[in-house]
Amino acid sequence: MIANYILLSLRNLLKQRGYALVNIFGLAVGLGSVIYILLYVKDELTFDRMHPEAESLYRIGLALQAPNGDVNTGGYSPAGWDNYIQSNYEGIGAIASYIRRGMPTSIHYVPNDRIVLAEDEDCFTWAEPSITKVLSIPIVKGARINPLKEINSIILTESSARDIFGDDDPIGEMLTVSNMFATNRQKVDLLVTAVMRDFPSNTHINPKYIANIFALNPFNEDLQNRLNTFMGNGSNAFYSESFFVCSDEGKIETIVADLQKHANEISFGQNTQFKFKPVVRKITDIHFDTQVSWAQRKSVDVK
């Protein structure tokens, strides 16, 4: 019976080829469009949700209003604000800070005289070792627990490891790194301790190299204190991208109000007409929140 139905369908298709082709093509386009839209929506709705505590993970940003009213917002804030929050509020989990200094960073594997330039600012990240407790960094090879434990350590993505080492095992190999700003054009040797999977496309955090920030001690006086001290003024001020885990969302408004008191004390150089406003956002909200982009805006209310 089923065979008869199939034969009948085939005969009808052959008799009405043009009509059948139009219908089949329309069906294929429709199905393809629906699948594409569903995949796109899923990709957008899962943006930055791969992190282990995404629903309680917050980034501290800062909005700066110039005297002419223009406002710039971004993910950087005075280093030490995360430590201040953890020390003064109960229920705060892991904290971590990092800075990004690409544009360009030279990565040199001396034994093979292989040099790779990380020209994208997001490519190279200098992070506190606790970064692995805050963000999803899936290690596939090497030290799976605390891979940035050693001061001069670095994690590579699988793609960056192939760029430098090809099919050879990079674990335990030494890379010589230099950057115009981070290392003041000087060279620092970093030991490859782990390889991680490449970050997915639906995240705003996607470095190819993550190095221990304390490898920059020789180029930044009193770096440990500058990262851990609650400050934002003066020549010793240090700004980083900071995250903290807070399971009680109701505390965020109080934390922001507290940070605003300290932001009011920040002066930008000699110009006290600049105004600062802390911008704390859950990591899963950043993608759809236009206020926290780097673009210049005039619509942000900074008081």
C-alpha atoms as a PDB file:
ATOM      1  CA  MET A   1       0.000   0.000   0.000  1.00  0.00           C
ATOM      2  CA  ILE A   2       2.746   2.415   0.958  1.00  0.00           C
ATOM      3  CA  ALA A   3       4.656   1.532  -2.220  1.00  0.00           C
ATOM      4  CA  ASN A   4       1.593   2.410  -4.308  1.00  0.00           C
ATOM      5  CA  TYR A   5       1.302   5.812  -2.633  1.00  0.00           C
ATOM      6  CA  ILE A   6       4.966   6.493  -3.327  1.00  0.00           C
ATOM      7  CA  LEU A   7       4.637   5.508  -6.982  1.00  0.00           C
ATOM      8  CA  LEU A   8       1.528   7.671  -7.348  1.00  0.00           C
ATOM      9  CA  SER A   9       3.308  10.652  -5.825  1.00  0.00           C
ATOM     10  CA  LEU A  10       6.294  10.219  -8.123  1.00  0.00           C
ATOM     11  CA  ARG A  11       4.054  10.069 -11.203  1.00  0.00           C
ATOM     12  CA  ASN A  12       2.266  13.258 -10.151  1.00  0.00           C
ATOM     13  CA  LEU A  13       5.585  15.004  -9.585  1.00  0.00           C
ATOM     14  CA  LEU A  14       6.824  13.952 -13.034  1.00  0.00           C
ATOM     15  CA  LYS A  15       3.612  15.112 -14.718  1.00  0.00           C
ATOM     16  CA  GLN A  16       3.724  18.515 -13.014  1.00  0.00           C
ATOM     17  CA  ARG A  17       7.461  19.160 -12.793  1.00  0.00           C
ATOM     18  CA  GLY A  18       7.294  22.942 -12.794  1.00  0.00           C
ATOM     19  CA  TYR A  19       4.616  23.135 -10.131  1.00  0.00           C
ATOM     20  CA  ALA A  20       6.458  20.567  -7.986  1.00  0.00           C
ATOM     21  CA  LEU A  21       9.782  22.377  -8.259  1.00  0.00           C
ATOM     22  CA  VAL A  22       8.227  25.686  -7.220  1.00  0.00           C
ATOM     23  CA  ASN A  23       6.581  24.094  -4.189  1.00  0.00           C
ATOM     24  CA  ILE A  24       9.668  22.138  -3.159  1.00  0.00           C
ATOM     25  CA  PHE A  25      11.876  25.224  -3.538  1.00  0.00           C
ATOM     26  CA  GLY A  26       9.428  27.343  -1.513  1.00  0.00           C
ATOM     27  CA  LEU A  27       9.253  24.696   1.200  1.00  0.00           C
ATOM     28  CA  ALA A  28      13.045  24.452   1.347  1.00  0.00           C
ATOM     29  CA  VAL A  29      13.461  28.237   1.599  1.00  0.00           C
ATOM     30  CA  GLY A  30      10.785  28.443   4.290  1.00  0.00           C
ATOM     31  CA  LEU A  31      12.289  25.645   6.377  1.00  0.00           C
ATOM     32  CA  GLY A  32      15.779  27.068   5.969  1.00  0.00           C
ATOM     33  CA  SER A  33      14.613  30.534   7.045  1.00  0.00           C
ATOM     34  CA  VAL A  34      12.839  29.178  10.113  1.00  0.00           C
ATOM     35  CA  ILE A  35      15.882  27.136  11.154  1.00  0.00           C
ATOM     36  CA  TYR A  36      18.183  30.137  10.656  1.00  0.00           C
ATOM     37  CA  ILE A  37      15.906  32.429  12.690  1.00  0.00           C
ATOM     38  CA  LEU A  38      15.636  29.875  15.508  1.00  0.00           C
ATOM     39  CA  LEU A  39      19.412  29.432  15.623  1.00  0.00           C
ATOM     40  CA  TYR A  40      19.933  33.216  15.603  1.00  0.00           C
ATOM     41  CA  VAL A  41      17.420  33.767  18.412  1.00  0.00           C
ATOM     42  CA  LYS A  42      18.987  30.962  20.461  1.00  0.00           C
ATOM     43  CA  ASP A  43      22.451  32.457  19.916  1.00  0.00           C
ATOM     44  CA  GLU A  44      21.265  35.887  21.071  1.00  0.00           C
ATOM     45  CA  LEU A  45      19.304  34.653  24.089  1.00  0.00           C
ATOM     46  CA  THR A  46      22.232  32.533  25.317  1.00  0.00           C
ATOM     47  CA  PHE A  47      24.737  35.402  24.974  1.00  0.00           C
ATOM     48  CA  ASP A  48      27.254  35.275  27.875  1.00  0.00           C
ATOM     49  CA  ARG A  49      25.285  32.512  29.604  1.00  0.00           C
ATOM     50  CA  MET A  50      28.064  29.936  29.378  1.00  0.00           C
ATOM     51  CA  HIS A  51      29.706  31.194  32.566  1.00  0.00           C
ATOM     52  CA  PRO A  52      29.147  28.989  35.645  1.00  0.00           C
ATOM     53  CA  GLU A  53      27.400  31.687  37.722  1.00  0.00           C
ATOM     54  CA  ALA A  54      26.064  33.845  34.901  1.00  0.00           C
ATOM     55  CA  GLU A  55      22.786  34.645  36.691  1.00  0.00           C
ATOM     56  CA  SER A  56      24.641  36.142  39.663  1.00  0.00           C
ATOM     57  CA  LEU A  57      27.756  37.519  37.946  1.00  0.00           C
ATOM     58  CA  TYR A  58      28.116  41.311  37.681  1.00  0.00           C
ATOM     59  CA  ARG A  59      30.581  43.601  35.912  1.00  0.00           C
ATOM     60  CA  ILE A  60      31.550  46.981  37.332  1.00  0.00           C
ATOM     61  CA  GLY A  61      31.691  49.729  34.741  1.00  0.00           C
ATOM     62  CA  LEU A  62      31.918  53.497  34.838  1.00  0.00           C
ATOM     63  CA  ALA A  63      30.239  56.357  32.993  1.00  0.00           C
ATOM     64  CA  LEU A  64      32.228  59.576  32.516  1.00  0.00           C
ATOM     65  CA  GLN A  65      30.456  62.834  31.735  1.00  0.00           C
ATOM     66  CA  ALA A  66      32.579  65.625  30.284  1.00  0.00           C
ATOM     67  CA  PRO A  67      31.903  69.315  30.988  1.00  0.00           C
ATOM     68  CA  ASN A  68      30.192  69.658  27.576  1.00  0.00           C
ATOM     69  CA  GLY A  69      27.668  66.966  28.531  1.00  0.00           C
ATOM     70  CA  ASP A  70      29.070  64.120  26.403  1.00  0.00           C
ATOM     71  CA  VAL A  71      29.122  60.778  28.194  1.00  0.00           C
ATOM     72  CA  ASN A  72      31.404  57.808  27.591  1.00  0.00           C
ATOM     73  CA  THR A  73      30.612  54.493  29.228  1.00  0.00           C
ATOM     74  CA  GLY A  74      32.640  51.319  29.403  1.00  0.00           C
ATOM     75  CA  GLY A  75      33.567  48.245  31.393  1.00  0.00           C
ATOM     76  CA  TYR A  76      36.544  49.733  33.221  1.00  0.00           C
ATOM     77  CA  SER A  77      36.402  50.969  36.818  1.00  0.00           C
ATOM     78  CA  PRO A  78      38.913  51.773  39.570  1.00  0.00           C
ATOM     79  CA  ALA A  79      40.751  48.590  40.520  1.00  0.00           C
ATOM     80  CA  GLY A  80      39.938  47.632  44.074  1.00  0.00           C
ATOM     81  CA  TRP A  81      36.221  48.312  43.826  1.00  0.00           C
ATOM     82  CA  ASP A  82      35.606  44.552  43.640  1.00  0.00           C
ATOM     83  CA  ASN A  83      37.713  44.032  46.785  1.00  0.00           C
ATOM     84  CA  TYR A  84      35.793  46.813  48.525  1.00  0.00           C
ATOM     85  CA  ILE A  85      32.463  45.178  47.685  1.00  0.00           C
ATOM     86  CA  GLN A  86      33.614  41.759  48.876  1.00  0.00           C
ATOM     87  CA  SER A  87      34.990  43.198  52.133  1.00  0.00           C
ATOM     88  CA  ASN A  88      31.927  45.285  52.989  1.00  0.00           C
ATOM     89  CA  TYR A  89      28.974  43.162  51.890  1.00  0.00           C
ATOM     90  CA  GLU A  90      27.980  39.667  52.967  1.00  0.00           C
ATOM     91  CA  GLY A  91      27.126  37.056  50.377  1.00  0.00           C
ATOM     92  CA  ILE A  92      29.638  38.223  47.776  1.00  0.00           C
ATOM     93  CA  GLY A  93      31.332  35.281  46.091  1.00  0.00           C
ATOM     94  CA  ALA A  94      34.356  35.218  43.810  1.00  0.00           C
ATOM     95  CA  ILE A  95      35.853  38.428  42.427  1.00  0.00           C
ATOM     96  CA  ALA A  96      38.363  38.964  39.632  1.00  0.00           C
ATOM     97  CA  SER A  97      39.875  41.747  37.552  1.00  0.00           C
ATOM     98  CA  TYR A  98      41.718  41.905  34.259  1.00  0.00           C
ATOM     99  CA  ILE A  99      43.034  44.365  31.727  1.00  0.00           C
ATOM    100  CA  ARG A 100      43.236  44.049  27.943  1.00  0.00           C
ATOM    101  CA  ARG A 101      46.349  45.245  26.159  1.00  0.00           C
ATOM    102  CA  GLY A 102      46.457  44.051  22.581  1.00  0.00           C
ATOM    103  CA  MET A 103      47.172  46.436  19.701  1.00  0.00           C
ATOM    104  CA  PRO A 104      49.674  44.857  19.175  1.00  0.00           C
ATOM    105  CA  THR A 105      51.197  42.295  21.520  1.00  0.00           C
ATOM    106  CA  SER A 106      54.166  40.359  20.171  1.00  0.00           C
ATOM    107  CA  ILE A 107      54.272  36.655  21.125  1.00  0.00           C
ATOM    108  CA  HIS A 108      57.609  35.059  20.271  1.00  0.00           C
ATOM    109  CA  TYR A 109      58.383  31.335  20.486  1.00  0.00           C
ATOM    110  CA  VAL A 110      62.165  31.543  20.420  1.00  0.00           C
ATOM    111  CA  PRO A 111      63.118  27.882  19.664  1.00  0.00           C
ATOM    112  CA  ASN A 112      61.291  28.022  16.295  1.00  0.00           C
ATOM    113  CA  ASP A 113      61.675  31.801  15.895  1.00  0.00           C
ATOM    114  CA  ARG A 114      57.908  31.950  15.463  1.00  0.00           C
ATOM    115  CA  ILE A 115      56.363  35.407  16.102  1.00  0.00           C
ATOM    116  CA  VAL A 116      52.616  36.059  16.293  1.00  0.00           C
ATOM    117  CA  LEU A 117      51.079  39.522  16.669  1.00  0.00           C
ATOM    118  CA  ALA A 118      47.878  39.906  18.692  1.00  0.00           C
ATOM    119  CA  GLU A 119      46.601  43.065  17.033  1.00  0.00           C
ATOM    120  CA  ASP A 120      43.036  42.984  18.362  1.00  0.00           C
ATOM    121  CA  GLU A 121      42.669  44.677  21.774  1.00  0.00           C
ATOM    122  CA  ASP A 122      40.496  41.819  23.028  1.00  0.00           C
ATOM    123  CA  CYS A 123      43.047  39.213  22.000  1.00  0.00           C
ATOM    124  CA  PHE A 124      45.418  39.467  24.942  1.00  0.00           C
ATOM    125  CA  THR A 125      44.187  39.625  28.542  1.00  0.00           C
ATOM    126  CA  TRP A 126      46.224  40.077  31.719  1.00  0.00           C
ATOM    127  CA  ALA A 127      44.106  38.640  34.534  1.00  0.00           C
ATOM    128  CA  GLU A 128      44.143  37.838  38.218  1.00  0.00           C
ATOM    129  CA  PRO A 129      44.411  34.067  38.870  1.00  0.00           C
ATOM    130  CA  SER A 130      40.862  34.058  40.273  1.00  0.00           C
ATOM    131  CA  ILE A 131      39.522  34.737  36.765  1.00  0.00           C
ATOM    132  CA  THR A 132      38.955  30.979  36.343  1.00  0.00           C
ATOM    133  CA  LYS A 133      36.509  31.058  39.288  1.00  0.00           C
ATOM    134  CA  VAL A 134      34.431  33.801  37.684  1.00  0.00           C
ATOM    135  CA  LEU A 135      34.414  33.120  33.938  1.00  0.00           C
ATOM    136  CA  SER A 136      33.997  29.913  31.972  1.00  0.00           C
ATOM    137  CA  ILE A 137      37.510  28.888  30.910  1.00  0.00           C
ATOM    138  CA  PRO A 138      37.268  25.230  29.816  1.00  0.00           C
ATOM    139  CA  ILE A 139      40.759  23.742  30.049  1.00  0.00           C
ATOM    140  CA  VAL A 140      41.401  20.906  27.612  1.00  0.00           C
ATOM    141  CA  LYS A 141      45.103  20.394  28.300  1.00  0.00           C
ATOM    142  CA  GLY A 142      47.512  21.239  31.114  1.00  0.00           C
ATOM    143  CA  ALA A 143      46.709  22.576  34.593  1.00  0.00           C
ATOM    144  CA  ARG A 144      42.942  22.313  35.052  1.00  0.00           C
ATOM    145  CA  ILE A 145      42.957  23.754  38.579  1.00  0.00           C
ATOM    146  CA  ASN A 146      44.291  27.288  39.014  1.00  0.00           C
ATOM    147  CA  PRO A 147      46.257  27.407  35.724  1.00  0.00           C
ATOM    148  CA  LEU A 148      47.442  30.971  36.498  1.00  0.00           C
ATOM    149  CA  LYS A 149      48.881  30.040  39.883  1.00  0.00           C
ATOM    150  CA  GLU A 150      52.429  30.877  38.823  1.00  0.00           C
ATOM    151  CA  ILE A 151      53.187  34.555  38.275  1.00  0.00           C
ATOM    152  CA  ASN A 152      54.697  34.087  34.815  1.00  0.00           C
ATOM    153  CA  SER A 153      51.996  31.783  33.442  1.00  0.00           C
ATOM    154  CA  ILE A 154      49.773  31.996  30.383  1.00  0.00           C
ATOM    155  CA  ILE A 155      46.758  30.120  28.988  1.00  0.00           C
ATOM    156  CA  LEU A 156      46.306  29.729  25.230  1.00  0.00           C
ATOM    157  CA  THR A 157      43.182  28.924  23.273  1.00  0.00           C
ATOM    158  CA  GLU A 158      43.344  25.906  20.983  1.00  0.00           C
ATOM    159  CA  SER A 159      43.502  28.128  17.896  1.00  0.00           C
ATOM    160  CA  SER A 160      46.286  30.347  19.272  1.00  0.00           C
ATOM    161  CA  ALA A 161      48.242  27.259  20.337  1.00  0.00           C
ATOM    162  CA  ARG A 162      48.052  25.971  16.747  1.00  0.00           C
ATOM    163  CA  ASP A 163      49.131  29.363  15.398  1.00  0.00           C
ATOM    164  CA  ILE A 164      52.319  29.241  17.458  1.00  0.00           C
ATOM    165  CA  PHE A 165      53.144  25.559  17.959  1.00  0.00           C
ATOM    166  CA  GLY A 166      51.332  23.796  15.123  1.00  0.00           C
ATOM    167  CA  ASP A 167      50.653  20.210  16.194  1.00  0.00           C
ATOM    168  CA  ASP A 168      53.330  20.245  18.930  1.00  0.00           C
ATOM    169  CA  ASP A 169      52.378  20.174  22.616  1.00  0.00           C
ATOM    170  CA  PRO A 170      52.655  23.734  24.014  1.00  0.00           C
ATOM    171  CA  ILE A 171      52.455  22.799  27.707  1.00  0.00           C
ATOM    172  CA  GLY A 172      55.664  23.711  29.513  1.00  0.00           C
ATOM    173  CA  GLU A 173      56.977  25.829  26.663  1.00  0.00           C
ATOM    174  CA  MET A 174      58.127  29.413  27.168  1.00  0.00           C
ATOM    175  CA  LEU A 175      56.829  32.397  25.202  1.00  0.00           C
ATOM    176  CA  THR A 176      58.445  35.832  25.109  1.00  0.00           C
ATOM    177  CA  VAL A 177      55.824  38.577  25.144  1.00  0.00           C
ATOM    178  CA  SER A 178      56.111  42.342  24.703  1.00  0.00           C
ATOM    179  CA  ASN A 179      53.590  45.171  24.414  1.00  0.00           C
ATOM    180  CA  MET A 180      53.912  48.926  23.980  1.00  0.00           C
ATOM    181  CA  PHE A 181      51.832  49.713  27.067  1.00  0.00           C
ATOM    182  CA  ALA A 182      51.634  46.624  29.282  1.00  0.00           C
ATOM    183  CA  THR A 183      55.363  45.822  29.284  1.00  0.00           C
ATOM    184  CA  ASN A 184      56.653  49.217  28.137  1.00  0.00           C
ATOM    185  CA  ARG A 185      58.067  47.522  25.012  1.00  0.00           C
ATOM    186  CA  GLN A 186      60.190  45.248  27.206  1.00  0.00           C
ATOM    187  CA  LYS A 187      60.107  41.462  27.047  1.00  0.00           C
ATOM    188  CA  VAL A 188      58.621  39.119  29.620  1.00  0.00           C
ATOM    189  CA  ASP A 189      58.840  35.324  29.541  1.00  0.00           C
ATOM    190  CA  LEU A 190      55.598  33.435  30.114  1.00  0.00           C
ATOM    191  CA  LEU A 191      55.206  29.700  30.702  1.00  0.00           C
ATOM    192  CA  VAL A 192      52.337  27.950  28.918  1.00  0.00           C
ATOM    193  CA  THR A 193      50.475  26.118  31.686  1.00  0.00           C
ATOM    194  CA  ALA A 194      47.180  25.276  29.973  1.00  0.00           C
ATOM    195  CA  VAL A 195      45.212  25.238  26.729  1.00  0.00           C
ATOM    196  CA  MET A 196      41.519  26.133  26.724  1.00  0.00           C
ATOM    197  CA  ARG A 197      38.741  25.805  24.184  1.00  0.00           C
ATOM    198  CA  ASP A 198      38.141  28.870  22.059  1.00  0.00           C
ATOM    199  CA  PHE A 199      35.414  31.122  23.383  1.00  0.00           C
ATOM    200  CA  PRO A 200      32.102  30.852  21.532  1.00  0.00           C
ATOM    201  CA  SER A 201      30.939  33.667  19.284  1.00  0.00           C
ATOM    202  CA  ASN A 202      28.066  34.679  21.576  1.00  0.00           C
ATOM    203  CA  THR A 203      30.147  36.298  24.292  1.00  0.00           C
ATOM    204  CA  HIS A 204      31.689  39.755  24.678  1.00  0.00           C
ATOM    205  CA  ILE A 205      34.703  38.196  26.439  1.00  0.00           C
ATOM    206  CA  ASN A 206      36.817  36.252  23.940  1.00  0.00           C
ATOM    207  CA  PRO A 207      40.579  36.491  24.516  1.00  0.00           C
ATOM    208  CA  LYS A 208      42.989  34.174  22.747  1.00  0.00           C
ATOM    209  CA  TYR A 209      45.649  34.587  25.444  1.00  0.00           C
ATOM    210  CA  ILE A 210      45.158  34.951  29.218  1.00  0.00           C
ATOM    211  CA  ALA A 211      48.294  35.762  31.196  1.00  0.00           C
ATOM    212  CA  ASN A 212      48.792  36.285  34.921  1.00  0.00           C
ATOM    213  CA  ILE A 213      48.550  40.042  35.511  1.00  0.00           C
ATOM    214  CA  PHE A 214      51.276  39.894  38.151  1.00  0.00           C
ATOM    215  CA  ALA A 215      53.779  39.097  35.416  1.00  0.00           C
ATOM    216  CA  LEU A 216      53.553  42.868  34.874  1.00  0.00           C
ATOM    217  CA  ASN A 217      55.032  43.622  38.312  1.00  0.00           C
ATOM    218  CA  PRO A 218      58.379  44.789  36.836  1.00  0.00           C
ATOM    219  CA  PHE A 219      56.574  47.365  34.693  1.00  0.00           C
ATOM    220  CA  ASN A 220      54.011  48.637  37.224  1.00  0.00           C
ATOM    221  CA  GLU A 221      55.220  49.904  40.563  1.00  0.00           C
ATOM    222  CA  ASP A 222      53.266  48.491  43.523  1.00  0.00           C
ATOM    223  CA  LEU A 223      50.881  46.622  41.214  1.00  0.00           C
ATOM    224  CA  GLN A 224      49.542  44.318  43.937  1.00  0.00           C
ATOM    225  CA  ASN A 225      48.514  47.255  46.103  1.00  0.00           C
ATOM    226  CA  ARG A 226      47.091  49.195  43.149  1.00  0.00           C
ATOM    227  CA  LEU A 227      44.866  46.260  42.192  1.00  0.00           C
ATOM    228  CA  ASN A 228      43.610  45.695  45.715  1.00  0.00           C
ATOM    229  CA  THR A 229      43.277  49.259  47.007  1.00  0.00           C
ATOM    230  CA  PHE A 230      40.052  51.189  46.698  1.00  0.00           C
ATOM    231  CA  MET A 231      41.210  54.256  44.775  1.00  0.00           C
ATOM    232  CA  GLY A 232      40.515  56.173  41.599  1.00  0.00           C
ATOM    233  CA  ASN A 233      42.497  59.379  41.965  1.00  0.00           C
ATOM    234  CA  GLY A 234      46.058  60.437  41.441  1.00  0.00           C
ATOM    235  CA  SER A 235      48.952  59.075  39.423  1.00  0.00           C
ATOM    236  CA  ASN A 236      48.758  55.748  41.276  1.00  0.00           C
ATOM    237  CA  ALA A 237      45.182  55.067  40.144  1.00  0.00           C
ATOM    238  CA  PHE A 238      44.688  51.831  38.229  1.00  0.00           C
ATOM    239  CA  TYR A 239      41.621  50.890  36.189  1.00  0.00           C
ATOM    240  CA  SER A 240      40.580  47.347  35.324  1.00  0.00           C
ATOM    241  CA  GLU A 241      37.583  45.313  34.235  1.00  0.00           C
ATOM    242  CA  SER A 242      36.187  43.780  37.403  1.00  0.00           C
ATOM    243  CA  PHE A 243      33.571  41.126  38.127  1.00  0.00           C
ATOM    244  CA  PHE A 244      31.939  39.927  41.308  1.00  0.00           C
ATOM    245  CA  VAL A 245      29.431  37.209  42.152  1.00  0.00           C
ATOM    246  CA  CYS A 246      26.378  38.288  44.154  1.00  0.00           C
ATOM    247  CA  SER A 247      23.565  35.807  44.774  1.00  0.00           C
ATOM    248  CA  ASP A 248      21.278  38.498  46.236  1.00  0.00           C
ATOM    249  CA  GLU A 249      20.211  40.837  43.423  1.00  0.00           C
ATOM    250  CA  GLY A 250      18.537  43.106  45.968  1.00  0.00           C
ATOM    251  CA  LYS A 251      21.950  44.242  47.201  1.00  0.00           C
ATOM    252  CA  ILE A 252      23.026  45.673  43.863  1.00  0.00           C
ATOM    253  CA  GLU A 253      21.150  48.957  44.245  1.00  0.00           C
ATOM    254  CA  THR A 254      22.761  49.523  47.663  1.00  0.00           C
ATOM    255  CA  ILE A 255      26.203  48.654  46.293  1.00  0.00           C
ATOM    256  CA  VAL A 256      25.807  51.080  43.382  1.00  0.00           C
ATOM    257  CA  ALA A 257      24.709  53.877  45.731  1.00  0.00           C
ATOM    258  CA  ASP A 258      27.739  53.190  47.937  1.00  0.00           C
ATOM    259  CA  LEU A 259      30.106  53.239  44.944  1.00  0.00           C
ATOM    260  CA  GLN A 260      28.540  56.505  43.763  1.00  0.00           C
ATOM    261  CA  LYS A 261      29.678  58.223  46.977  1.00  0.00           C
ATOM    262  CA  HIS A 262      33.256  57.247  46.176  1.00  0.00           C
ATOM    263  CA  ALA A 263      32.851  58.062  42.475  1.00  0.00           C
ATOM    264  CA  ASN A 264      31.894  61.606  43.492  1.00  0.00           C
ATOM    265  CA  GLU A 265      35.366  61.992  44.988  1.00  0.00           C
ATOM    266  CA  ILE A 266      37.156  61.078  41.756  1.00  0.00           C
ATOM    267  CA  SER A 267      38.706  63.970  39.872  1.00  0.00           C
ATOM    268  CA  PHE A 268      39.873  63.590  36.294  1.00  0.00           C
ATOM    269  CA  GLY A 269      43.275  65.268  36.248  1.00  0.00           C
ATOM    270  CA  GLN A 270      42.835  68.899  37.294  1.00  0.00           C
ATOM    271  CA  ASN A 271      39.331  69.168  35.848  1.00  0.00           C
ATOM    272  CA  THR A 272      36.797  68.592  38.626  1.00  0.00           C
ATOM    273  CA  GLN A 273      33.895  69.257  36.233  1.00  0.00           C
ATOM    274  CA  PHE A 274      33.997  65.650  35.046  1.00  0.00           C
ATOM    275  CA  LYS A 275      31.351  63.469  36.700  1.00  0.00           C
ATOM    276  CA  PHE A 276      31.570  59.738  37.318  1.00  0.00           C
ATOM    277  CA  LYS A 277      28.829  57.187  37.753  1.00  0.00           C
ATOM    278  CA  PRO A 278      29.296  53.467  38.512  1.00  0.00           C
ATOM    279  CA  VAL A 279      27.488  51.196  36.061  1.00  0.00           C
ATOM    280  CA  VAL A 280      26.955  47.695  37.479  1.00  0.00           C
ATOM    281  CA  ARG A 281      25.380  45.172  35.126  1.00  0.00           C
ATOM    282  CA  LYS A 282      24.644  41.472  35.266  1.00  0.00           C
ATOM    283  CA  ILE A 283      26.818  39.830  32.628  1.00  0.00           C
ATOM    284  CA  THR A 284      23.777  38.378  30.848  1.00  0.00           C
ATOM    285  CA  ASP A 285      22.316  41.882  30.414  1.00  0.00           C
ATOM    286  CA  ILE A 286      25.376  43.533  28.876  1.00  0.00           C
ATOM    287  CA  HIS A 287      24.752  42.389  25.295  1.00  0.00           C
ATOM    288  CA  PHE A 288      21.362  44.103  25.076  1.00  0.00           C
ATOM    289  CA  ASP A 289      22.230  47.161  27.173  1.00  0.00           C
ATOM    290  CA  THR A 290      23.339  50.076  24.990  1.00  0.00           C
ATOM    291  CA  GLN A 291      24.374  52.152  28.009  1.00  0.00           C
ATOM    292  CA  VAL A 292      27.427  50.034  28.768  1.00  0.00           C
ATOM    293  CA  SER A 293      28.971  50.171  25.286  1.00  0.00           C
ATOM    294  CA  TRP A 294      32.138  52.147  24.555  1.00  0.00           C
ATOM    295  CA  ALA A 295      30.252  54.432  22.179  1.00  0.00           C
ATOM    296  CA  GLN A 296      29.921  58.088  23.073  1.00  0.00           C
ATOM    297  CA  ARG A 297      26.436  59.005  24.247  1.00  0.00           C
ATOM    298  CA  LYS A 298      24.551  61.994  25.614  1.00  0.00           C
ATOM    299  CA  SER A 299      21.517  60.157  26.952  1.00  0.00           C
ATOM    300  CA  VAL A 300      23.082  58.709  30.098  1.00  0.00           C
ATOM    301  CA  ASP A 301      22.012  60.502  33.273  1.00  0.00           C
ATOM    302  CA  VAL A 302      25.101  61.138  35.383  1.00  0.00           C
ATOM    303  CA  LYS A 303      24.446  63.005  38.601  1.00  0.00           C
END
